C-alpha atoms as a PDB file:
ATOM      1  CA  UNK A   1       0.000   0.000   0.000  1.00  0.00           C
ATOM      2  CA  UNK A   2       1.310   3.453  -0.917  1.00  0.00           C
ATOM      3  CA  UNK A   3       2.574   5.909   1.631  1.00  0.00           C
ATOM      4  CA  UNK A   4       0.122   8.784   2.083  1.00  0.00           C
ATOM      5  CA  UNK A   5       0.962  12.173   3.540  1.00  0.00           C
ATOM      6  CA  UNK A   6      -1.697  14.571   4.779  1.00  0.00           C
ATOM      7  CA  UNK A   7      -0.127  17.978   4.484  1.00  0.00           C
ATOM      8  CA  UNK A   8      -0.821  21.691   4.415  1.00  0.00           C
ATOM      9  CA  UNK A   9       1.140  23.742   1.933  1.00  0.00           C
ATOM     10  CA  UNK A  10       2.744  26.282   4.255  1.00  0.00           C
ATOM     11  CA  UNK A  11       3.089  24.140   7.364  1.00  0.00           C
ATOM     12  CA  UNK A  12       6.895  23.942   7.775  1.00  0.00           C
ATOM     13  CA  UNK A  13       6.674  20.552   9.519  1.00  0.00           C
ATOM     14  CA  UNK A  14       4.688  19.015   6.664  1.00  0.00           C
ATOM     15  CA  UNK A  15       6.912  20.729   4.079  1.00  0.00           C
ATOM     16  CA  UNK A  16       9.980  19.143   5.680  1.00  0.00           C
ATOM     17  CA  UNK A  17       8.389  15.689   5.535  1.00  0.00           C
ATOM     18  CA  UNK A  18       7.623  16.170   1.833  1.00  0.00           C
ATOM     19  CA  UNK A  19      11.284  16.958   1.201  1.00  0.00           C
ATOM     20  CA  UNK A  20      12.438  13.908   3.174  1.00  0.00           C
ATOM     21  CA  UNK A  21      10.099  11.649   1.187  1.00  0.00           C
ATOM     22  CA  UNK A  22      11.393  13.019  -2.119  1.00  0.00           C
ATOM     23  CA  UNK A  23      15.016  12.959  -0.949  1.00  0.00           C
ATOM     24  CA  UNK A  24      14.685   9.248  -0.170  1.00  0.00           C
ATOM     25  CA  UNK A  25      12.808   8.518  -3.391  1.00  0.00           C
ATOM     26  CA  UNK A  26       9.792   7.074  -1.556  1.00  0.00           C
ATOM     27  CA  UNK A  27       6.656   6.954  -3.730  1.00  0.00           C
ATOM     28  CA  UNK A  28       3.803   8.678  -1.923  1.00  0.00           C
ATOM     29  CA  UNK A  29       0.466  10.350  -2.346  1.00  0.00           C
ATOM     30  CA  UNK A  30      -0.096  13.759  -0.832  1.00  0.00           C
ATOM     31  CA  UNK A  31      -3.430  15.160   0.276  1.00  0.00           C
ATOM     32  CA  UNK A  32      -3.472  18.889   0.963  1.00  0.00           C
ATOM     33  CA  UNK A  33      -5.760  19.606   3.899  1.00  0.00           C
ATOM     34  CA  UNK A  34      -7.659  22.832   4.442  1.00  0.00           C
ATOM     35  CA  UNK A  35      -7.242  23.248   8.197  1.00  0.00           C
ATOM     36  CA  UNK A  36     -10.243  25.581   8.348  1.00  0.00           C
ATOM     37  CA  UNK A  37     -12.477  22.885   6.842  1.00  0.00           C
ATOM     38  CA  UNK A  38     -10.841  19.591   7.702  1.00  0.00           C
ATOM     39  CA  UNK A  39     -12.116  16.669   5.615  1.00  0.00           C
ATOM     40  CA  UNK A  40     -13.883  13.846   7.467  1.00  0.00           C
ATOM     41  CA  UNK A  41     -11.429  11.316   6.025  1.00  0.00           C
ATOM     42  CA  UNK A  42      -8.550  13.201   7.609  1.00  0.00           C
ATOM     43  CA  UNK A  43     -10.324  13.557  10.955  1.00  0.00           C
ATOM     44  CA  UNK A  44     -11.014   9.826  11.049  1.00  0.00           C
ATOM     45  CA  UNK A  45      -7.310   9.101  10.623  1.00  0.00           C
ATOM     46  CA  UNK A  46      -5.674  11.793  12.721  1.00  0.00           C
ATOM     47  CA  UNK A  47      -6.082  11.678  16.515  1.00  0.00           C
ATOM     48  CA  UNK A  48      -4.789  15.258  16.803  1.00  0.00           C
ATOM     49  CA  UNK A  49      -6.441  16.713  13.665  1.00  0.00           C
ATOM     50  CA  UNK A  50      -3.081  18.289  12.830  1.00  0.00           C
ATOM     51  CA  UNK A  51      -0.683  17.963   9.913  1.00  0.00           C
ATOM     52  CA  UNK A  52       1.527  16.303   8.978  1.00  0.00           C
ATOM     53  CA  UNK A  53      -0.002  12.864   9.210  1.00  0.00           C
ATOM     54  CA  UNK A  54       1.769   9.938   7.531  1.00  0.00           C
ATOM     55  CA  UNK A  55      -0.058   6.721   6.701  1.00  0.00           C
ATOM     56  CA  UNK A  56       2.071   3.733   5.690  1.00  0.00           C
ATOM     57  CA  UNK A  57      -0.215   0.750   5.390  1.00  0.00           C
ATOM     58  CA  UNK A  58      -1.858   0.376   8.796  1.00  0.00           C
ATOM     59  CA  UNK A  59       0.773   2.595  10.460  1.00  0.00           C
ATOM     60  CA  UNK A  60      -0.229   6.179  11.260  1.00  0.00           C
ATOM     61  CA  UNK A  61       2.255   8.753  12.570  1.00  0.00           C
ATOM     62  CA  UNK A  62       1.378  12.368  13.381  1.00  0.00           C
ATOM     63  CA  UNK A  63       4.495  14.097  14.754  1.00  0.00           C
ATOM     64  CA  UNK A  64       6.881  15.421  12.114  1.00  0.00           C
ATOM     65  CA  UNK A  65      10.081  14.491  13.952  1.00  0.00           C
ATOM     66  CA  UNK A  66       8.781  10.980  14.587  1.00  0.00           C
ATOM     67  CA  UNK A  67       7.694  10.714  10.943  1.00  0.00           C
ATOM     68  CA  UNK A  68      11.161  11.669   9.725  1.00  0.00           C
ATOM     69  CA  UNK A  69      12.865   9.245  12.106  1.00  0.00           C
ATOM     70  CA  UNK A  70      10.482   6.482  11.016  1.00  0.00           C
ATOM     71  CA  UNK A  71      11.318   7.163   7.360  1.00  0.00           C
ATOM     72  CA  UNK A  72      15.040   7.152   8.176  1.00  0.00           C
ATOM     73  CA  UNK A  73      14.785   3.764   9.890  1.00  0.00           C
ATOM     74  CA  UNK A  74      12.573   2.140   7.266  1.00  0.00           C
ATOM     75  CA  UNK A  75      14.268   3.730   4.242  1.00  0.00           C
ATOM     76  CA  UNK A  76      17.868   4.326   5.389  1.00  0.00           C
ATOM     77  CA  UNK A  77      19.255   5.616   2.085  1.00  0.00           C
ATOM     78  CA  UNK A  78      20.273   8.318   1.665  1.00  0.00           C
ATOM     79  CA  UNK A  79      21.211   8.837   5.296  1.00  0.00           C
ATOM     80  CA  UNK A  80      19.801  12.113   6.646  1.00  0.00           C
ATOM     81  CA  UNK A  81      20.517  11.773  10.370  1.00  0.00           C
ATOM     82  CA  UNK A  82      24.248  11.038  10.514  1.00  0.00           C
ATOM     83  CA  UNK A  83      26.484   7.989  10.643  1.00  0.00           C
ATOM     84  CA  UNK A  84      27.473   7.945  14.314  1.00  0.00           C
ATOM     85  CA  UNK A  85      25.605   8.336  17.615  1.00  0.00           C
ATOM     86  CA  UNK A  86      27.316  11.720  18.021  1.00  0.00           C
ATOM     87  CA  UNK A  87      26.186  12.946  14.594  1.00  0.00           C
ATOM     88  CA  UNK A  88      22.635  11.697  15.094  1.00  0.00           C
ATOM     89  CA  UNK A  89      22.444  13.406  18.485  1.00  0.00           C
ATOM     90  CA  UNK A  90      23.682  16.689  16.975  1.00  0.00           C
ATOM     91  CA  UNK A  91      21.143  16.498  14.138  1.00  0.00           C
ATOM     92  CA  UNK A  92      18.255  15.693  16.485  1.00  0.00           C
ATOM     93  CA  UNK A  93      19.257  18.524  18.805  1.00  0.00           C
ATOM     94  CA  UNK A  94      19.287  20.978  15.891  1.00  0.00           C
ATOM     95  CA  UNK A  95      15.845  19.819  14.714  1.00  0.00           C
ATOM     96  CA  UNK A  96      14.376  20.232  18.201  1.00  0.00           C
ATOM     97  CA  UNK A  97      15.921  23.685  18.494  1.00  0.00           C
ATOM     98  CA  UNK A  98      14.469  24.749  15.132  1.00  0.00           C
ATOM     99  CA  UNK A  99      10.998  23.294  15.673  1.00  0.00           C
ATOM    100  CA  UNK A 100      10.461  24.051  19.344  1.00  0.00           C
ATOM    101  CA  UNK A 101      12.523  27.164  19.987  1.00  0.00           C
ATOM    102  CA  UNK A 102      13.962  29.187  17.128  1.00  0.00           C
ATOM    103  CA  UNK A 103      10.818  29.066  14.983  1.00  0.00           C
ATOM    104  CA  UNK A 104       8.598  30.363  17.792  1.00  0.00           C
ATOM    105  CA  UNK A 105       8.813  34.051  16.746  1.00  0.00           C
ATOM    106  CA  UNK A 106       7.566  32.977  13.318  1.00  0.00           C
ATOM    107  CA  UNK A 107       4.732  30.936  14.851  1.00  0.00           C
ATOM    108  CA  UNK A 108       3.663  33.861  17.033  1.00  0.00           C
ATOM    109  CA  UNK A 109       3.742  36.260  14.089  1.00  0.00           C
ATOM    110  CA  UNK A 110       1.676  33.871  11.992  1.00  0.00           C
ATOM    111  CA  UNK A 111      -0.899  33.553  14.791  1.00  0.00           C
ATOM    112  CA  UNK A 112      -1.262  37.327  15.072  1.00  0.00           C
ATOM    113  CA  UNK A 113      -0.929  38.461  11.468  1.00  0.00           C
ATOM    114  CA  UNK A 114      -1.848  35.666   9.091  1.00  0.00           C
ATOM    115  CA  UNK A 115      -4.199  33.308  10.913  1.00  0.00           C
ATOM    116  CA  UNK A 116      -5.701  35.896  13.315  1.00  0.00           C
ATOM    117  CA  UNK A 117      -5.789  33.353  16.149  1.00  0.00           C
ATOM    118  CA  UNK A 118      -4.440  35.991  18.513  1.00  0.00           C
ATOM    119  CA  UNK A 119      -5.055  39.715  18.943  1.00  0.00           C
ATOM    120  CA  UNK A 120      -2.525  41.703  16.940  1.00  0.00           C
ATOM    121  CA  UNK A 121      -0.298  43.647  19.307  1.00  0.00           C
ATOM    122  CA  UNK A 122       2.148  45.889  17.432  1.00  0.00           C
ATOM    123  CA  UNK A 123       4.706  45.830  20.245  1.00  0.00           C
ATOM    124  CA  UNK A 124       4.652  42.036  20.215  1.00  0.00           C
ATOM    125  CA  UNK A 125       4.858  41.998  16.417  1.00  0.00           C
ATOM    126  CA  UNK A 126       7.980  44.164  16.452  1.00  0.00           C
ATOM    127  CA  UNK A 127       9.541  42.105  19.235  1.00  0.00           C
ATOM    128  CA  UNK A 128       8.980  38.824  17.398  1.00  0.00           C
ATOM    129  CA  UNK A 129      10.266  40.316  14.145  1.00  0.00           C
ATOM    130  CA  UNK A 130      13.463  41.408  15.896  1.00  0.00           C
ATOM    131  CA  UNK A 131      13.885  37.914  17.327  1.00  0.00           C
ATOM    132  CA  UNK A 132      13.334  36.268  13.946  1.00  0.00           C
ATOM    133  CA  UNK A 133      15.741  38.544  12.090  1.00  0.00           C
ATOM    134  CA  UNK A 134      18.346  38.100  14.845  1.00  0.00           C
ATOM    135  CA  UNK A 135      18.090  34.345  14.269  1.00  0.00           C
ATOM    136  CA  UNK A 136      18.592  34.829  10.521  1.00  0.00           C
ATOM    137  CA  UNK A 137      21.721  36.849  11.284  1.00  0.00           C
ATOM    138  CA  UNK A 138      23.012  34.001  13.480  1.00  0.00           C
ATOM    139  CA  UNK A 139      22.381  31.570  10.642  1.00  0.00           C
ATOM    140  CA  UNK A 140      24.223  33.832   8.216  1.00  0.00           C
ATOM    141  CA  UNK A 141      27.264  33.735  10.495  1.00  0.00           C
ATOM    142  CA  UNK A 142      26.986  29.945  10.747  1.00  0.00           C
ATOM    143  CA  UNK A 143      26.885  29.502   6.978  1.00  0.00           C
ATOM    144  CA  UNK A 144      29.867  31.816   6.577  1.00  0.00           C
ATOM    145  CA  UNK A 145      31.903  29.010   8.194  1.00  0.00           C
ATOM    146  CA  UNK A 146      30.020  25.852   7.213  1.00  0.00           C
ATOM    147  CA  UNK A 147      28.284  24.677   4.061  1.00  0.00           C
ATOM    148  CA  UNK A 148      25.561  22.775   5.933  1.00  0.00           C
ATOM    149  CA  UNK A 149      23.852  23.314   9.270  1.00  0.00           C
ATOM    150  CA  UNK A 150      25.165  20.346  11.274  1.00  0.00           C
ATOM    151  CA  UNK A 151      26.992  17.728   9.217  1.00  0.00           C
ATOM    152  CA  UNK A 152      29.399  18.145   6.316  1.00  0.00           C
ATOM    153  CA  UNK A 153      26.497  17.203   4.028  1.00  0.00           C
ATOM    154  CA  UNK A 154      22.745  17.584   3.876  1.00  0.00           C
ATOM    155  CA  UNK A 155      20.857  16.406   6.946  1.00  0.00           C
ATOM    156  CA  UNK A 156      17.275  16.535   8.131  1.00  0.00           C
ATOM    157  CA  UNK A 157      18.276  19.587  10.166  1.00  0.00           C
ATOM    158  CA  UNK A 158      18.895  21.495   6.918  1.00  0.00           C
ATOM    159  CA  UNK A 159      15.554  20.267   5.603  1.00  0.00           C
ATOM    160  CA  UNK A 160      13.637  21.457   8.678  1.00  0.00           C
ATOM    161  CA  UNK A 161      15.441  24.796   8.627  1.00  0.00           C
ATOM    162  CA  UNK A 162      14.773  25.250   4.917  1.00  0.00           C
ATOM    163  CA  UNK A 163      11.039  24.656   5.365  1.00  0.00           C
ATOM    164  CA  UNK A 164      10.882  27.122   8.259  1.00  0.00           C
ATOM    165  CA  UNK A 165      12.814  29.870   6.475  1.00  0.00           C
ATOM    166  CA  UNK A 166      10.800  29.324   3.285  1.00  0.00           C
ATOM    167  CA  UNK A 167       7.544  29.732   5.188  1.00  0.00           C
ATOM    168  CA  UNK A 168       8.840  33.026   6.585  1.00  0.00           C
ATOM    169  CA  UNK A 169       9.596  34.170   3.024  1.00  0.00           C
ATOM    170  CA  UNK A 170       6.102  33.151   1.922  1.00  0.00           C
ATOM    171  CA  UNK A 171       4.798  35.365   4.739  1.00  0.00           C
ATOM    172  CA  UNK A 172       6.775  38.285   3.316  1.00  0.00           C
ATOM    173  CA  UNK A 173       9.807  38.262   5.617  1.00  0.00           C
ATOM    174  CA  UNK A 174      12.986  39.024   3.734  1.00  0.00           C
ATOM    175  CA  UNK A 175      16.414  37.430   3.975  1.00  0.00           C
ATOM    176  CA  UNK A 176      18.012  40.698   2.930  1.00  0.00           C
ATOM    177  CA  UNK A 177      21.773  40.991   2.455  1.00  0.00           C
ATOM    178  CA  UNK A 178      22.629  37.873   4.466  1.00  0.00           C
ATOM    179  CA  UNK A 179      24.703  36.451   1.623  1.00  0.00           C
ATOM    180  CA  UNK A 180      25.856  33.245   3.315  1.00  0.00           C
ATOM    181  CA  UNK A 181      22.305  32.326   4.281  1.00  0.00           C
ATOM    182  CA  UNK A 182      21.224  33.163   0.730  1.00  0.00           C
ATOM    183  CA  UNK A 183      23.968  30.895  -0.637  1.00  0.00           C
ATOM    184  CA  UNK A 184      22.756  28.022   1.543  1.00  0.00           C
ATOM    185  CA  UNK A 185      19.174  28.623   0.370  1.00  0.00           C
ATOM    186  CA  UNK A 186      20.396  28.526  -3.223  1.00  0.00           C
ATOM    187  CA  UNK A 187      22.090  25.162  -2.553  1.00  0.00           C
ATOM    188  CA  UNK A 188      18.860  23.835  -1.107  1.00  0.00           C
ATOM    189  CA  UNK A 189      16.741  25.201  -3.952  1.00  0.00           C
ATOM    190  CA  UNK A 190      18.865  23.352  -6.501  1.00  0.00           C
ATOM    191  CA  UNK A 191      17.932  19.985  -5.017  1.00  0.00           C
ATOM    192  CA  UNK A 192      15.275  18.009  -6.901  1.00  0.00           C
ATOM    193  CA  UNK A 193      13.633  16.989  -3.628  1.00  0.00           C
ATOM    194  CA  UNK A 194      13.144  20.634  -2.690  1.00  0.00           C
ATOM    195  CA  UNK A 195      11.809  21.573  -6.104  1.00  0.00           C
ATOM    196  CA  UNK A 196       9.321  18.682  -6.082  1.00  0.00           C
ATOM    197  CA  UNK A 197       8.050  19.585  -2.607  1.00  0.00           C
ATOM    198  CA  UNK A 198       7.508  23.278  -3.344  1.00  0.00           C
ATOM    199  CA  UNK A 199       3.974  24.691  -2.970  1.00  0.00           C
ATOM    200  CA  UNK A 200       3.549  25.171  -6.706  1.00  0.00           C
ATOM    201  CA  UNK A 201       4.234  21.444  -7.227  1.00  0.00           C
ATOM    202  CA  UNK A 202       1.401  20.372  -4.926  1.00  0.00           C
ATOM    203  CA  UNK A 203      -2.166  19.343  -5.826  1.00  0.00           C
ATOM    204  CA  UNK A 204      -5.132  21.586  -4.991  1.00  0.00           C
ATOM    205  CA  UNK A 205      -6.404  21.670  -1.419  1.00  0.00           C
ATOM    206  CA  UNK A 206      -8.673  18.701  -0.653  1.00  0.00           C
END
């Protein structure tokens, strides 16, 4: 039975899973879910009603980090987590930092500005923007010294970071003159897996 991914176009966690699936060459179907009008089929399958949700036969997984680790274990080539316990720990740490800490200014901005889940407070908006752009500056300094985020090659940490930064660009936040970060983005954008997972490559919302 084919692997099925329930995704939302500009969810960075789902976007990262799409890249991992393409990077590993795993055939899969993708269903784009409108989170404002969630389909009954999706609600029957997802205990959290959140994306991403991966269905692989009778197996259902609904946390992006767990999904990516599952794919790495079941489809180990190409390796995206590292070859040694030390490398895998460093990659996992970076993913947790991106998903649970460094992306929080972006999540708060999206809640206030784009999804209107929270009252828009201009002082909070400016504070979160400063935090986000400070993080981009840190990344620029990192990529001035290293080609990739954690390993000496592509890892799932780069994939998660790419999805997060790309979502910020889709929301209108600019990278600006951070040339090393721009160079890393260009490296990522040249990858077939990234091109195939881009929003314009996706089917219409279900």
